Amino acid sequence: NLWKGFDSFEGKSKVDTWIWRVSFNTCISQE
């Protein structure tokens, strides 16, 4: 999911915030 969104990451938030959000959303979806 990070790779899929890597091109579209615009830097409106910090990279670590974006990674937390993608990780969180991915894990919630898998749950």
Full PDB file with SEQRES, HELIX, SHEET, SSBOND, CRYST1, ORIGX, SCALE, CONECT and MASTER records, all heavy atoms in Angstrom:
SEQRES   1 A   31  ASN LEU TRP LYS GLY PHE ASP SER PHE GLU GLY LYS SER          
SEQRES   2 A   31  LYS VAL ASP THR TRP ILE TRP ARG VAL SER PHE ASN THR          
SEQRES   3 A   31  CYS ILE SER GLN GLU                                          
HELIX    1 AA1 LEU A    2  PHE A    6  1                                   5    
HELIX    2 AA2 VAL A   15  GLN A   30  1                                  16    
CRYST1    1.000    1.000    1.000  90.00  90.00  90.00 P 1           1          
ORIGX1      1.000000  0.000000  0.000000        0.00000                         
ORIGX2      0.000000  1.000000  0.000000        0.00000                         
ORIGX3      0.000000  0.000000  1.000000        0.00000                         
SCALE1      1.000000  0.000000  0.000000        0.00000                         
SCALE2      0.000000  1.000000  0.000000        0.00000                         
SCALE3      0.000000  0.000000  1.000000        0.00000                         
ATOM      1  N   ASN A   1       0.816  -1.214   0.000  1.00  0.00           N  
ATOM      2  CA  ASN A   1       0.000   0.000   0.000  1.00  0.00           C  
ATOM      3  C   ASN A   1       0.851   1.266   0.000  1.00  0.00           C  
ATOM      4  O   ASN A   1       0.479   2.267  -0.630  1.00  0.00           O  
ATOM      5  CB  ASN A   1      -0.973  -0.017   1.180  1.00  0.00           C  
ATOM      6  CG  ASN A   1      -2.073  -1.029   0.972  1.00  0.00           C  
ATOM      7  OD1 ASN A   1      -2.416  -1.388  -0.149  1.00  0.00           O  
ATOM      8  ND2 ASN A   1      -2.622  -1.519   2.065  1.00  0.00           N  
ATOM      9  N   LEU A   2       1.981   1.232   0.684  1.00  0.00           N  
ATOM     10  CA  LEU A   2       2.887   2.378   0.646  1.00  0.00           C  
ATOM     11  C   LEU A   2       3.433   2.589  -0.767  1.00  0.00           C  
ATOM     12  O   LEU A   2       3.513   3.715  -1.253  1.00  0.00           O  
ATOM     13  CB  LEU A   2       4.036   2.200   1.638  1.00  0.00           C  
ATOM     14  CG  LEU A   2       3.692   2.365   3.109  1.00  0.00           C  
ATOM     15  CD1 LEU A   2       4.869   1.920   3.987  1.00  0.00           C  
ATOM     16  CD2 LEU A   2       3.310   3.807   3.426  1.00  0.00           C  
ATOM     17  N   TRP A   3       3.804   1.486  -1.416  1.00  0.00           N  
ATOM     18  CA  TRP A   3       4.325   1.576  -2.780  1.00  0.00           C  
ATOM     19  C   TRP A   3       3.270   2.131  -3.736  1.00  0.00           C  
ATOM     20  O   TRP A   3       3.557   2.995  -4.565  1.00  0.00           O  
ATOM     21  CB  TRP A   3       4.830   0.224  -3.255  1.00  0.00           C  
ATOM     22  CG  TRP A   3       5.332   0.252  -4.670  1.00  0.00           C  
ATOM     23  CD1 TRP A   3       4.752  -0.302  -5.765  1.00  0.00           C  
ATOM     24  CD2 TRP A   3       6.529   0.892  -5.141  1.00  0.00           C  
ATOM     25  NE1 TRP A   3       5.498  -0.052  -6.893  1.00  0.00           N  
ATOM     26  CE2 TRP A   3       6.600   0.685  -6.540  1.00  0.00           C  
ATOM     27  CE3 TRP A   3       7.533   1.626  -4.527  1.00  0.00           C  
ATOM     28  CZ2 TRP A   3       7.636   1.175  -7.317  1.00  0.00           C  
ATOM     29  CZ3 TRP A   3       8.569   2.120  -5.304  1.00  0.00           C  
ATOM     30  CH2 TRP A   3       8.605   1.884  -6.681  1.00  0.00           C  
ATOM     31  N   LYS A   4       2.026   1.639  -3.581  1.00  0.00           N  
ATOM     32  CA  LYS A   4       0.936   2.116  -4.441  1.00  0.00           C  
ATOM     33  C   LYS A   4       0.696   3.615  -4.266  1.00  0.00           C  
ATOM     34  O   LYS A   4       0.342   4.301  -5.225  1.00  0.00           O  
ATOM     35  CB  LYS A   4      -0.365   1.366  -4.134  1.00  0.00           C  
ATOM     36  CG  LYS A   4      -0.387  -0.058  -4.630  1.00  0.00           C  
ATOM     37  CD  LYS A   4      -1.711  -0.720  -4.240  1.00  0.00           C  
ATOM     38  CE  LYS A   4      -1.779  -2.160  -4.672  1.00  0.00           C  
ATOM     39  NZ  LYS A   4      -3.036  -2.810  -4.219  1.00  0.00           N  
ATOM     40  N   GLY A   5       0.877   4.111  -3.053  1.00  0.00           N  
ATOM     41  CA  GLY A   5       0.615   5.524  -2.798  1.00  0.00           C  
ATOM     42  C   GLY A   5       1.841   6.411  -2.839  1.00  0.00           C  
ATOM     43  O   GLY A   5       1.738   7.628  -2.670  1.00  0.00           O  
ATOM     44  N   PHE A   6       3.001   5.823  -3.074  1.00  0.00           N  
ATOM     45  CA  PHE A   6       4.254   6.576  -3.027  1.00  0.00           C  
ATOM     46  C   PHE A   6       4.286   7.718  -4.032  1.00  0.00           C  
ATOM     47  O   PHE A   6       4.697   8.829  -3.707  1.00  0.00           O  
ATOM     48  CB  PHE A   6       5.436   5.625  -3.237  1.00  0.00           C  
ATOM     49  CG  PHE A   6       6.775   6.232  -2.936  1.00  0.00           C  
ATOM     50  CD1 PHE A   6       7.084   6.631  -1.651  1.00  0.00           C  
ATOM     51  CD2 PHE A   6       7.724   6.383  -3.925  1.00  0.00           C  
ATOM     52  CE1 PHE A   6       8.322   7.181  -1.355  1.00  0.00           C  
ATOM     53  CE2 PHE A   6       8.962   6.932  -3.648  1.00  0.00           C  
ATOM     54  CZ  PHE A   6       9.263   7.333  -2.367  1.00  0.00           C  
ATOM     55  N   ASP A   7       3.852   7.458  -5.249  1.00  0.00           N  
ATOM     56  CA  ASP A   7       3.835   8.504  -6.288  1.00  0.00           C  
ATOM     57  C   ASP A   7       2.898   9.649  -5.944  1.00  0.00           C  
ATOM     58  O   ASP A   7       3.167  10.803  -6.272  1.00  0.00           O  
ATOM     59  CB  ASP A   7       3.388   7.913  -7.632  1.00  0.00           C  
ATOM     60  CG  ASP A   7       4.537   7.304  -8.398  1.00  0.00           C  
ATOM     61  OD1 ASP A   7       5.705   7.566  -8.042  1.00  0.00           O  
ATOM     62  OD2 ASP A   7       4.261   6.564  -9.364  1.00  0.00           O  
ATOM     63  N   SER A   8       1.782   9.314  -5.300  1.00  0.00           N  
ATOM     64  CA  SER A   8       0.770  10.333  -5.050  1.00  0.00           C  
ATOM     65  C   SER A   8       0.967  11.067  -3.725  1.00  0.00           C  
ATOM     66  O   SER A   8       0.226  12.010  -3.433  1.00  0.00           O  
ATOM     67  CB  SER A   8      -0.630   9.717  -5.103  1.00  0.00           C  
ATOM     68  OG  SER A   8      -0.749   8.706  -4.130  1.00  0.00           O  
ATOM     69  N   PHE A   9       1.956  10.655  -2.912  1.00  0.00           N  
ATOM     70  CA  PHE A   9       2.219  11.358  -1.652  1.00  0.00           C  
ATOM     71  C   PHE A   9       2.706  12.760  -1.973  1.00  0.00           C  
ATOM     72  O   PHE A   9       3.724  12.941  -2.635  1.00  0.00           O  
ATOM     73  CB  PHE A   9       3.240  10.608  -0.797  1.00  0.00           C  
ATOM     74  CG  PHE A   9       3.596  11.324   0.484  1.00  0.00           C  
ATOM     75  CD1 PHE A   9       2.643  11.500   1.469  1.00  0.00           C  
ATOM     76  CD2 PHE A   9       4.868  11.811   0.678  1.00  0.00           C  
ATOM     77  CE1 PHE A   9       2.959  12.158   2.646  1.00  0.00           C  
ATOM     78  CE2 PHE A   9       5.197  12.467   1.842  1.00  0.00           C  
ATOM     79  CZ  PHE A   9       4.242  12.644   2.836  1.00  0.00           C  
ATOM     80  N   GLU A  10       1.950  13.739  -1.511  1.00  0.00           N  
ATOM     81  CA  GLU A  10       2.235  15.136  -1.872  1.00  0.00           C  
ATOM     82  C   GLU A  10       3.014  15.894  -0.808  1.00  0.00           C  
ATOM     83  O   GLU A  10       3.343  17.057  -1.002  1.00  0.00           O  
ATOM     84  CB  GLU A  10       0.918  15.858  -2.152  1.00  0.00           C  
ATOM     85  CG  GLU A  10       0.154  15.256  -3.321  1.00  0.00           C  
ATOM     86  CD  GLU A  10      -1.237  15.858  -3.480  1.00  0.00           C  
ATOM     87  OE1 GLU A  10      -1.666  16.646  -2.609  1.00  0.00           O  
ATOM     88  OE2 GLU A  10      -1.887  15.534  -4.479  1.00  0.00           O  
ATOM     89  N   GLY A  11       3.264  15.274   0.321  1.00  0.00           N  
ATOM     90  CA  GLY A  11       4.020  15.937   1.369  1.00  0.00           C  
ATOM     91  C   GLY A  11       3.201  16.932   2.175  1.00  0.00           C  
ATOM     92  O   GLY A  11       3.765  17.809   2.828  1.00  0.00           O  
ATOM     93  N   LYS A  12       1.871  16.813   2.125  1.00  0.00           N  
ATOM     94  CA  LYS A  12       1.025  17.713   2.919  1.00  0.00           C  
ATOM     95  C   LYS A  12       1.125  17.393   4.407  1.00  0.00           C  
ATOM     96  O   LYS A  12       0.802  18.221   5.239  1.00  0.00           O  
ATOM     97  CB  LYS A  12      -0.434  17.618   2.451  1.00  0.00           C  
ATOM     98  CG  LYS A  12      -0.644  18.185   1.070  1.00  0.00           C  
ATOM     99  CD  LYS A  12      -2.098  18.109   0.656  1.00  0.00           C  
ATOM    100  CE  LYS A  12      -2.255  18.665  -0.753  1.00  0.00           C  
ATOM    101  NZ  LYS A  12      -3.623  18.536  -1.240  1.00  0.00           N  
ATOM    102  N   SER A  13       1.546  16.189   4.713  1.00  0.00           N  
ATOM    103  CA  SER A  13       1.834  15.805   6.092  1.00  0.00           C  
ATOM    104  C   SER A  13       3.265  15.273   6.126  1.00  0.00           C  
ATOM    105  O   SER A  13       3.874  15.055   5.086  1.00  0.00           O  
ATOM    106  CB  SER A  13       0.853  14.730   6.578  1.00  0.00           C  
ATOM    107  OG  SER A  13       1.014  13.544   5.822  1.00  0.00           O  
ATOM    108  N   LYS A  14       3.764  15.042   7.331  1.00  0.00           N  
ATOM    109  CA  LYS A  14       5.109  14.480   7.443  1.00  0.00           C  
ATOM    110  C   LYS A  14       5.085  13.039   6.936  1.00  0.00           C  
ATOM    111  O   LYS A  14       4.056  12.367   7.003  1.00  0.00           O  
ATOM    112  CB  LYS A  14       5.581  14.508   8.894  1.00  0.00           C  
ATOM    113  CG  LYS A  14       5.737  15.902   9.461  1.00  0.00           C  
ATOM    114  CD  LYS A  14       6.397  15.909  10.822  1.00  0.00           C  
ATOM    115  CE  LYS A  14       5.506  15.306  11.867  1.00  0.00           C  
ATOM    116  NZ  LYS A  14       6.046  15.363  13.227  1.00  0.00           N  
ATOM    117  N   VAL A  15       6.215  12.574   6.450  1.00  0.00           N  
ATOM    118  CA  VAL A  15       6.313  11.209   5.930  1.00  0.00           C  
ATOM    119  C   VAL A  15       5.944  10.196   7.001  1.00  0.00           C  
ATOM    120  O   VAL A  15       5.204   9.244   6.732  1.00  0.00           O  
ATOM    121  CB  VAL A  15       7.739  10.921   5.385  1.00  0.00           C  
ATOM    122  CG1 VAL A  15       7.907   9.463   5.029  1.00  0.00           C  
ATOM    123  CG2 VAL A  15       8.044  11.786   4.187  1.00  0.00           C  
ATOM    124  N   ASP A  16       6.426  10.410   8.228  1.00  0.00           N  
ATOM    125  CA  ASP A  16       6.121   9.429   9.274  1.00  0.00           C  
ATOM    126  C   ASP A  16       4.627   9.406   9.609  1.00  0.00           C  
ATOM    127  O   ASP A  16       4.071   8.345   9.884  1.00  0.00           O  
ATOM    128  CB  ASP A  16       6.976   9.625  10.520  1.00  0.00           C  
ATOM    129  CG  ASP A  16       6.887  11.003  11.127  1.00  0.00           C  
ATOM    130  OD1 ASP A  16       6.525  11.952  10.418  1.00  0.00           O  
ATOM    131  OD2 ASP A  16       7.199  11.139  12.325  1.00  0.00           O  
ATOM    132  N   THR A  17       3.955  10.549   9.543  1.00  0.00           N  
ATOM    133  CA  THR A  17       2.503  10.575   9.753  1.00  0.00           C  
ATOM    134  C   THR A  17       1.797   9.791   8.654  1.00  0.00           C  
ATOM    135  O   THR A  17       0.879   9.009   8.918  1.00  0.00           O  
ATOM    136  CB  THR A  17       1.987  12.026   9.793  1.00  0.00           C  
ATOM    137  OG1 THR A  17       2.648  12.728  10.851  1.00  0.00           O  
ATOM    138  CG2 THR A  17       0.485  12.081  10.006  1.00  0.00           C  
ATOM    139  N   TRP A  18       2.233   9.978   7.424  1.00  0.00           N  
ATOM    140  CA  TRP A  18       1.654   9.250   6.283  1.00  0.00           C  
ATOM    141  C   TRP A  18       1.865   7.745   6.453  1.00  0.00           C  
ATOM    142  O   TRP A  18       0.946   6.951   6.247  1.00  0.00           O  
ATOM    143  CB  TRP A  18       2.273   9.759   4.982  1.00  0.00           C  
ATOM    144  CG  TRP A  18       1.801   9.043   3.764  1.00  0.00           C  
ATOM    145  CD1 TRP A  18       0.556   9.061   3.204  1.00  0.00           C  
ATOM    146  CD2 TRP A  18       2.587   8.182   2.927  1.00  0.00           C  
ATOM    147  NE1 TRP A  18       0.513   8.273   2.074  1.00  0.00           N  
ATOM    148  CE2 TRP A  18       1.757   7.724   1.886  1.00  0.00           C  
ATOM    149  CE3 TRP A  18       3.913   7.760   2.959  1.00  0.00           C  
ATOM    150  CZ2 TRP A  18       2.206   6.872   0.890  1.00  0.00           C  
ATOM    151  CZ3 TRP A  18       4.356   6.921   1.956  1.00  0.00           C  
ATOM    152  CH2 TRP A  18       3.500   6.480   0.937  1.00  0.00           C  
ATOM    153  N   ILE A  19       3.060   7.347   6.860  1.00  0.00           N  
ATOM    154  CA  ILE A  19       3.366   5.923   7.048  1.00  0.00           C  
ATOM    155  C   ILE A  19       2.512   5.341   8.168  1.00  0.00           C  
ATOM    156  O   ILE A  19       1.969   4.244   8.030  1.00  0.00           O  
ATOM    157  CB  ILE A  19       4.869   5.714   7.312  1.00  0.00           C  
ATOM    158  CG1 ILE A  19       5.651   5.997   6.014  1.00  0.00           C  
ATOM    159  CG2 ILE A  19       5.155   4.310   7.831  1.00  0.00           C  
ATOM    160  CD1 ILE A  19       7.146   6.013   6.169  1.00  0.00           C  
ATOM    161  N   TRP A  20       2.364   6.070   9.287  1.00  0.00           N  
ATOM    162  CA  TRP A  20       1.499   5.613  10.375  1.00  0.00           C  
ATOM    163  C   TRP A  20       0.085   5.398   9.851  1.00  0.00           C  
ATOM    164  O   TRP A  20      -0.553   4.390  10.145  1.00  0.00           O  
ATOM    165  CB  TRP A  20       1.450   6.636  11.515  1.00  0.00           C  
ATOM    166  CG  TRP A  20       2.533   6.470  12.538  1.00  0.00           C  
ATOM    167  CD1 TRP A  20       3.658   7.215  12.649  1.00  0.00           C  
ATOM    168  CD2 TRP A  20       2.578   5.514  13.594  1.00  0.00           C  
ATOM    169  NE1 TRP A  20       4.408   6.776  13.707  1.00  0.00           N  
ATOM    170  CE2 TRP A  20       3.771   5.742  14.309  1.00  0.00           C  
ATOM    171  CE3 TRP A  20       1.730   4.492  14.006  1.00  0.00           C  
ATOM    172  CZ2 TRP A  20       4.126   4.983  15.417  1.00  0.00           C  
ATOM    173  CZ3 TRP A  20       2.095   3.741  15.108  1.00  0.00           C  
ATOM    174  CH2 TRP A  20       3.284   3.985  15.800  1.00  0.00           C  
ATOM    175  N   ARG A  21      -0.412   6.360   9.093  1.00  0.00           N  
ATOM    176  CA  ARG A  21      -1.802   6.291   8.619  1.00  0.00           C  
ATOM    177  C   ARG A  21      -2.010   5.123   7.659  1.00  0.00           C  
ATOM    178  O   ARG A  21      -2.984   4.380   7.768  1.00  0.00           O  
ATOM    179  CB  ARG A  21      -2.203   7.610   7.965  1.00  0.00           C  
ATOM    180  CG  ARG A  21      -3.661   7.639   7.627  1.00  0.00           C  
ATOM    181  CD  ARG A  21      -4.142   9.033   7.301  1.00  0.00           C  
ATOM    182  NE  ARG A  21      -5.572   8.993   7.189  1.00  0.00           N  
ATOM    183  CZ  ARG A  21      -6.407   9.557   8.030  1.00  0.00           C  
ATOM    184  NH1 ARG A  21      -5.939  10.230   9.036  1.00  0.00           N  
ATOM    185  NH2 ARG A  21      -7.694   9.466   7.857  1.00  0.00           N  
ATOM    186  N   VAL A  22      -1.096   4.951   6.711  1.00  0.00           N  
ATOM    187  CA  VAL A  22      -1.202   3.830   5.773  1.00  0.00           C  
ATOM    188  C   VAL A  22      -1.097   2.502   6.524  1.00  0.00           C  
ATOM    189  O   VAL A  22      -1.882   1.579   6.275  1.00  0.00           O  
ATOM    190  CB  VAL A  22      -0.128   3.921   4.657  1.00  0.00           C  
ATOM    191  CG1 VAL A  22      -0.088   2.654   3.816  1.00  0.00           C  
ATOM    192  CG2 VAL A  22      -0.380   5.141   3.767  1.00  0.00           C  
ATOM    193  N   SER A  23      -0.163   2.409   7.456  1.00  0.00           N  
ATOM    194  CA  SER A  23       0.009   1.179   8.236  1.00  0.00           C  
ATOM    195  C   SER A  23      -1.246   0.880   9.048  1.00  0.00           C  
ATOM    196  O   SER A  23      -1.750  -0.249   9.038  1.00  0.00           O  
ATOM    197  CB  SER A  23       1.207   1.303   9.185  1.00  0.00           C  
ATOM    198  OG  SER A  23       2.391   1.545   8.474  1.00  0.00           O  
ATOM    199  N   PHE A  24      -1.742   1.889   9.714  1.00  0.00           N  
ATOM    200  CA  PHE A  24      -2.949   1.752  10.524  1.00  0.00           C  
ATOM    201  C   PHE A  24      -4.134   1.316   9.665  1.00  0.00           C  
ATOM    202  O   PHE A  24      -4.828   0.348   9.984  1.00  0.00           O  
ATOM    203  CB  PHE A  24      -3.224   3.094  11.217  1.00  0.00           C  
ATOM    204  CG  PHE A  24      -4.578   3.199  11.834  1.00  0.00           C  
ATOM    205  CD1 PHE A  24      -4.892   2.498  12.980  1.00  0.00           C  
ATOM    206  CD2 PHE A  24      -5.546   4.018  11.276  1.00  0.00           C  
ATOM    207  CE1 PHE A  24      -6.151   2.599  13.558  1.00  0.00           C  
ATOM    208  CE2 PHE A  24      -6.795   4.127  11.841  1.00  0.00           C  
ATOM    209  CZ  PHE A  24      -7.101   3.420  12.982  1.00  0.00           C  
ATOM    210  N   ASN A  25      -4.368   2.007   8.565  1.00  0.00           N  
ATOM    211  CA  ASN A  25      -5.509   1.679   7.701  1.00  0.00           C  
ATOM    212  C   ASN A  25      -5.386   0.288   7.094  1.00  0.00           C  
ATOM    213  O   ASN A  25      -6.373  -0.437   6.974  1.00  0.00           O  
ATOM    214  CB  ASN A  25      -5.684   2.735   6.605  1.00  0.00           C  
ATOM    215  CG  ASN A  25      -6.216   4.042   7.152  1.00  0.00           C  
ATOM    216  OD1 ASN A  25      -6.854   4.075   8.201  1.00  0.00           O  
ATOM    217  ND2 ASN A  25      -5.931   5.126   6.457  1.00  0.00           N  
ATOM    218  N   THR A  26      -4.187  -0.095   6.718  1.00  0.00           N  
ATOM    219  CA  THR A  26      -3.963  -1.425   6.163  1.00  0.00           C  
ATOM    220  C   THR A  26      -4.283  -2.497   7.203  1.00  0.00           C  
ATOM    221  O   THR A  26      -4.982  -3.470   6.911  1.00  0.00           O  
ATOM    222  CB  THR A  26      -2.505  -1.586   5.684  1.00  0.00           C  
ATOM    223  OG1 THR A  26      -2.233  -0.596   4.685  1.00  0.00           O  
ATOM    224  CG2 THR A  26      -2.248  -2.967   5.112  1.00  0.00           C  
ATOM    225  N   CYS A  27      -3.790  -2.311   8.411  1.00  0.00           N  
ATOM    226  CA  CYS A  27      -4.022  -3.297   9.474  1.00  0.00           C  
ATOM    227  C   CYS A  27      -5.498  -3.358   9.860  1.00  0.00           C  
ATOM    228  O   CYS A  27      -6.028  -4.449  10.091  1.00  0.00           O  
ATOM    229  CB  CYS A  27      -3.155  -2.981  10.686  1.00  0.00           C  
ATOM    230  SG  CYS A  27      -1.388  -3.281  10.383  1.00  0.00           S  
ATOM    231  N   ILE A  28      -6.156  -2.209   9.900  1.00  0.00           N  
ATOM    232  CA  ILE A  28      -7.601  -2.191  10.195  1.00  0.00           C  
ATOM    233  C   ILE A  28      -8.352  -2.962   9.108  1.00  0.00           C  
ATOM    234  O   ILE A  28      -9.240  -3.773   9.401  1.00  0.00           O  
ATOM    235  CB  ILE A  28      -8.132  -0.744  10.271  1.00  0.00           C  
ATOM    236  CG1 ILE A  28      -7.650  -0.058  11.538  1.00  0.00           C  
ATOM    237  CG2 ILE A  28      -9.649  -0.698  10.183  1.00  0.00           C  
ATOM    238  CD1 ILE A  28      -8.385  -0.434  12.791  1.00  0.00           C  
ATOM    239  N   SER A  29      -8.003  -2.730   7.852  1.00  0.00           N  
ATOM    240  CA  SER A  29      -8.667  -3.430   6.737  1.00  0.00           C  
ATOM    241  C   SER A  29      -8.448  -4.933   6.832  1.00  0.00           C  
ATOM    242  O   SER A  29      -9.380  -5.716   6.630  1.00  0.00           O  
ATOM    243  CB  SER A  29      -8.136  -2.933   5.392  1.00  0.00           C  
ATOM    244  OG  SER A  29      -8.488  -1.595   5.196  1.00  0.00           O  
ATOM    245  N   GLN A  30      -7.233  -5.347   7.140  1.00  0.00           N  
ATOM    246  CA  GLN A  30      -6.938  -6.771   7.271  1.00  0.00           C  
ATOM    247  C   GLN A  30      -7.680  -7.374   8.457  1.00  0.00           C  
ATOM    248  O   GLN A  30      -8.141  -8.512   8.396  1.00  0.00           O  
ATOM    249  CB  GLN A  30      -5.430  -6.999   7.408  1.00  0.00           C  
ATOM    250  CG  GLN A  30      -4.638  -6.661   6.166  1.00  0.00           C  
ATOM    251  CD  GLN A  30      -5.058  -7.474   4.958  1.00  0.00           C  
ATOM    252  OE1 GLN A  30      -5.273  -8.675   5.038  1.00  0.00           O  
ATOM    253  NE2 GLN A  30      -5.188  -6.809   3.818  1.00  0.00           N  
ATOM    254  N   GLU A  31      -7.821  -6.597   9.534  1.00  0.00           N  
ATOM    255  CA  GLU A  31      -8.553  -7.060  10.714  1.00  0.00           C  
ATOM    256  C   GLU A  31     -10.017  -7.310  10.356  1.00  0.00           C  
ATOM    257  O   GLU A  31     -10.605  -8.299  10.770  1.00  0.00           O  
ATOM    258  CB  GLU A  31      -8.451  -6.005  11.831  1.00  0.00           C  
ATOM    259  CG  GLU A  31      -9.093  -6.406  13.124  1.00  0.00           C  
ATOM    260  CD  GLU A  31      -8.227  -7.300  13.990  1.00  0.00           C  
ATOM    261  OE1 GLU A  31      -7.024  -7.451  13.708  1.00  0.00           O  
ATOM    262  OE2 GLU A  31      -8.766  -7.858  14.940  1.00  0.00           O  
TER     263      GLU A  31                                                      
MASTER        0    0    0    2    0    0    0    6  262    1    0    3          
END                                                                             
